[in-house]
Amino acid sequence: MKTFKLISLAVMEDDKSVDVPLDHGLIINKEDEHSTWLLEAYTELSLYDYFKKIADEKRDIIVKVVITKADNDPVFLQTKISCLQLFEGHISVLLEGQLRRTTKNHSQILIDRLMKQGFAGEDLLTEFIKQKNSVPRVK
């Protein structure tokens, strides 16, 4: 197994993403026969209901993560919530899943999403630069 620092986490929801502010986070490559990854996000209590609903529905979620350094390209994983733990003032969300292979890189995915949202021309470029450079940081 290999353990890495989780720099940022966002849950992909249709045409938007929900940034999860991290107090602490880690990601583990289990290096098993299923290529399983474990992610733990220690985050704000205010997100408990959001994650509880996903957990109760037992639905898969796609997450976008940046690992080790903020300037690394994000990767996408298809995950399920395996544990949601309440603490005083915080929650811990444990996700388990696999890397989601894509033929497009992050920039292409972002451009596609922005174009579907109606951005074009200079507005597209401005919004692309803004979102490309805005990686949620660990508190």
Protein backbone atom coordinates (compact mmCIF):
# COMPACT_ATOMS: atom_id res chain seq x y z
CA MET A 1 0.00 0.00 0.00
CA LYS A 2 1.04 3.56 -0.67
CA THR A 3 -0.27 6.58 1.21
CA PHE A 4 -0.41 10.13 -0.15
CA LYS A 5 -1.59 13.49 1.12
CA LEU A 6 -4.98 14.54 -0.24
CA ILE A 7 -4.66 18.19 -1.28
CA SER A 8 -8.16 18.79 -2.63
CA LEU A 9 -11.44 16.95 -3.08
CA ALA A 10 -14.49 17.84 -5.14
CA VAL A 11 -17.63 15.77 -5.71
CA MET A 12 -18.74 15.92 -9.35
CA GLU A 13 -22.50 16.46 -9.62
CA ASP A 14 -23.80 16.58 -13.20
CA ASP A 15 -22.54 19.91 -14.61
CA LYS A 16 -21.13 21.27 -11.34
CA SER A 17 -18.77 20.24 -8.61
CA VAL A 18 -19.04 20.50 -4.83
CA ASP A 19 -15.71 21.51 -3.30
CA VAL A 20 -15.00 19.82 0.01
CA PRO A 21 -12.79 22.00 2.23
CA LEU A 22 -10.23 19.74 3.88
CA ASP A 23 -8.84 20.12 7.37
CA HIS A 24 -6.92 16.93 6.71
CA GLY A 25 -7.03 14.33 4.00
CA LEU A 26 -5.23 11.25 2.84
CA ILE A 27 -5.52 8.79 0.00
CA ILE A 28 -4.25 5.23 -0.03
CA ASN A 29 -3.54 3.06 -3.04
CA LYS A 30 -4.28 -0.41 -1.69
CA GLU A 31 -2.45 -1.98 -4.64
CA ASP A 32 -4.88 -4.90 -4.59
CA GLU A 33 -6.31 -6.98 -7.45
CA HIS A 34 -9.21 -4.51 -7.83
CA SER A 35 -6.98 -1.39 -7.97
CA THR A 36 -8.81 -0.01 -4.95
CA TRP A 37 -8.14 3.41 -3.46
CA LEU A 38 -9.25 4.64 -0.03
CA LEU A 39 -9.77 8.34 0.65
CA GLU A 40 -10.38 9.99 3.99
CA ALA A 41 -11.56 13.57 4.14
CA TYR A 42 -11.74 15.31 7.50
CA THR A 43 -13.98 18.27 6.81
CA GLU A 44 -16.65 20.67 8.05
CA LEU A 45 -19.64 19.47 10.03
CA SER A 46 -21.89 21.49 7.69
CA LEU A 47 -21.37 18.83 4.97
CA TYR A 48 -22.75 15.99 7.11
CA ASP A 49 -26.29 16.07 5.65
CA TYR A 50 -24.92 16.22 2.09
CA PHE A 51 -22.76 13.12 2.58
CA LYS A 52 -25.38 11.34 4.71
CA LYS A 53 -27.90 11.59 1.85
CA ILE A 54 -25.37 10.11 -0.60
CA ALA A 55 -24.50 7.33 1.85
CA ASP A 56 -28.17 6.52 2.52
CA GLU A 57 -28.81 6.29 -1.24
CA LYS A 58 -25.75 3.99 -1.55
CA ARG A 59 -24.93 5.70 -4.82
CA ASP A 60 -21.61 6.00 -6.58
CA ILE A 61 -20.03 9.42 -6.73
CA ILE A 62 -17.27 10.67 -8.97
CA VAL A 63 -14.67 12.67 -7.10
CA LYS A 64 -11.92 14.88 -8.45
CA VAL A 65 -8.82 14.85 -6.28
CA VAL A 66 -5.40 16.42 -6.28
CA ILE A 67 -2.74 14.31 -4.60
CA THR A 68 0.56 15.28 -2.93
CA LYS A 69 1.13 18.77 -4.43
CA ALA A 70 -1.35 21.48 -5.41
CA ASP A 71 0.15 21.84 -8.89
CA ASN A 72 -0.40 18.15 -9.76
CA ASP A 73 -3.14 17.42 -12.28
CA PRO A 74 -6.37 16.20 -10.73
CA VAL A 75 -7.51 12.59 -11.10
CA PHE A 76 -11.03 11.22 -11.02
CA LEU A 77 -12.22 8.26 -8.98
CA GLN A 78 -15.54 6.45 -8.94
CA THR A 79 -16.29 5.93 -5.27
CA LYS A 80 -18.85 4.98 -2.65
CA ILE A 81 -19.01 6.24 0.91
CA SER A 82 -17.95 3.37 3.15
CA CYS A 83 -18.04 5.28 6.45
CA LEU A 84 -19.31 8.64 7.65
CA GLN A 85 -18.21 9.57 11.15
CA LEU A 86 -19.32 12.54 13.26
CA PHE A 87 -16.82 14.33 15.47
CA GLU A 88 -17.16 17.48 17.53
CA GLY A 89 -17.30 20.20 14.90
CA HIS A 90 -16.11 17.99 12.01
CA ILE A 91 -16.87 14.87 10.04
CA SER A 92 -14.74 12.16 8.53
CA VAL A 93 -15.81 10.77 5.17
CA LEU A 94 -14.21 7.50 4.07
CA LEU A 95 -14.55 6.78 0.37
CA GLU A 96 -13.54 3.63 -1.47
CA GLY A 97 -13.27 3.27 -5.22
CA GLN A 98 -11.25 2.99 -8.38
CA LEU A 99 -9.50 5.44 -10.66
CA ARG A 100 -11.72 6.51 -13.50
CA ARG A 101 -9.77 6.32 -16.69
CA THR A 102 -10.55 9.02 -19.19
CA THR A 103 -9.17 9.75 -22.61
CA LYS A 104 -9.45 13.46 -21.93
CA ASN A 105 -7.17 15.37 -19.64
CA HIS A 106 -8.46 17.71 -16.94
CA SER A 107 -8.25 20.78 -19.19
CA GLN A 108 -10.40 19.14 -21.86
CA ILE A 109 -12.99 18.05 -19.30
CA LEU A 110 -13.11 21.57 -17.84
CA ILE A 111 -13.46 23.22 -21.28
CA ASP A 112 -16.25 20.80 -22.24
CA ARG A 113 -18.13 21.52 -19.00
CA LEU A 114 -17.75 25.30 -19.37
CA MET A 115 -18.95 25.21 -22.97
CA LYS A 116 -22.01 23.18 -21.91
CA GLN A 117 -22.67 25.90 -19.33
CA GLY A 118 -22.77 28.46 -22.15
CA PHE A 119 -19.35 30.08 -21.88
CA ALA A 120 -17.75 31.22 -25.15
CA GLY A 121 -15.00 33.50 -26.41
CA GLU A 122 -13.27 35.71 -23.85
CA ASP A 123 -15.72 34.64 -21.13
CA LEU A 124 -14.75 31.00 -21.74
CA LEU A 125 -11.05 31.81 -21.50
CA THR A 126 -11.51 33.90 -18.33
CA GLU A 127 -13.62 31.26 -16.59
CA PHE A 128 -11.27 28.46 -17.71
CA ILE A 129 -8.24 30.25 -16.23
CA LYS A 130 -10.15 31.04 -13.04
CA GLN A 131 -11.28 27.44 -12.49
CA LYS A 132 -8.04 25.83 -13.68
CA ASN A 133 -6.09 27.86 -11.12
CA SER A 134 -8.57 27.48 -8.25
CA VAL A 135 -7.70 24.30 -6.39
CA PRO A 136 -9.29 24.07 -2.94
CA ARG A 137 -6.55 24.08 -0.31
CA VAL A 138 -6.15 22.27 2.96
CA LYS A 139 -7.08 24.64 5.79
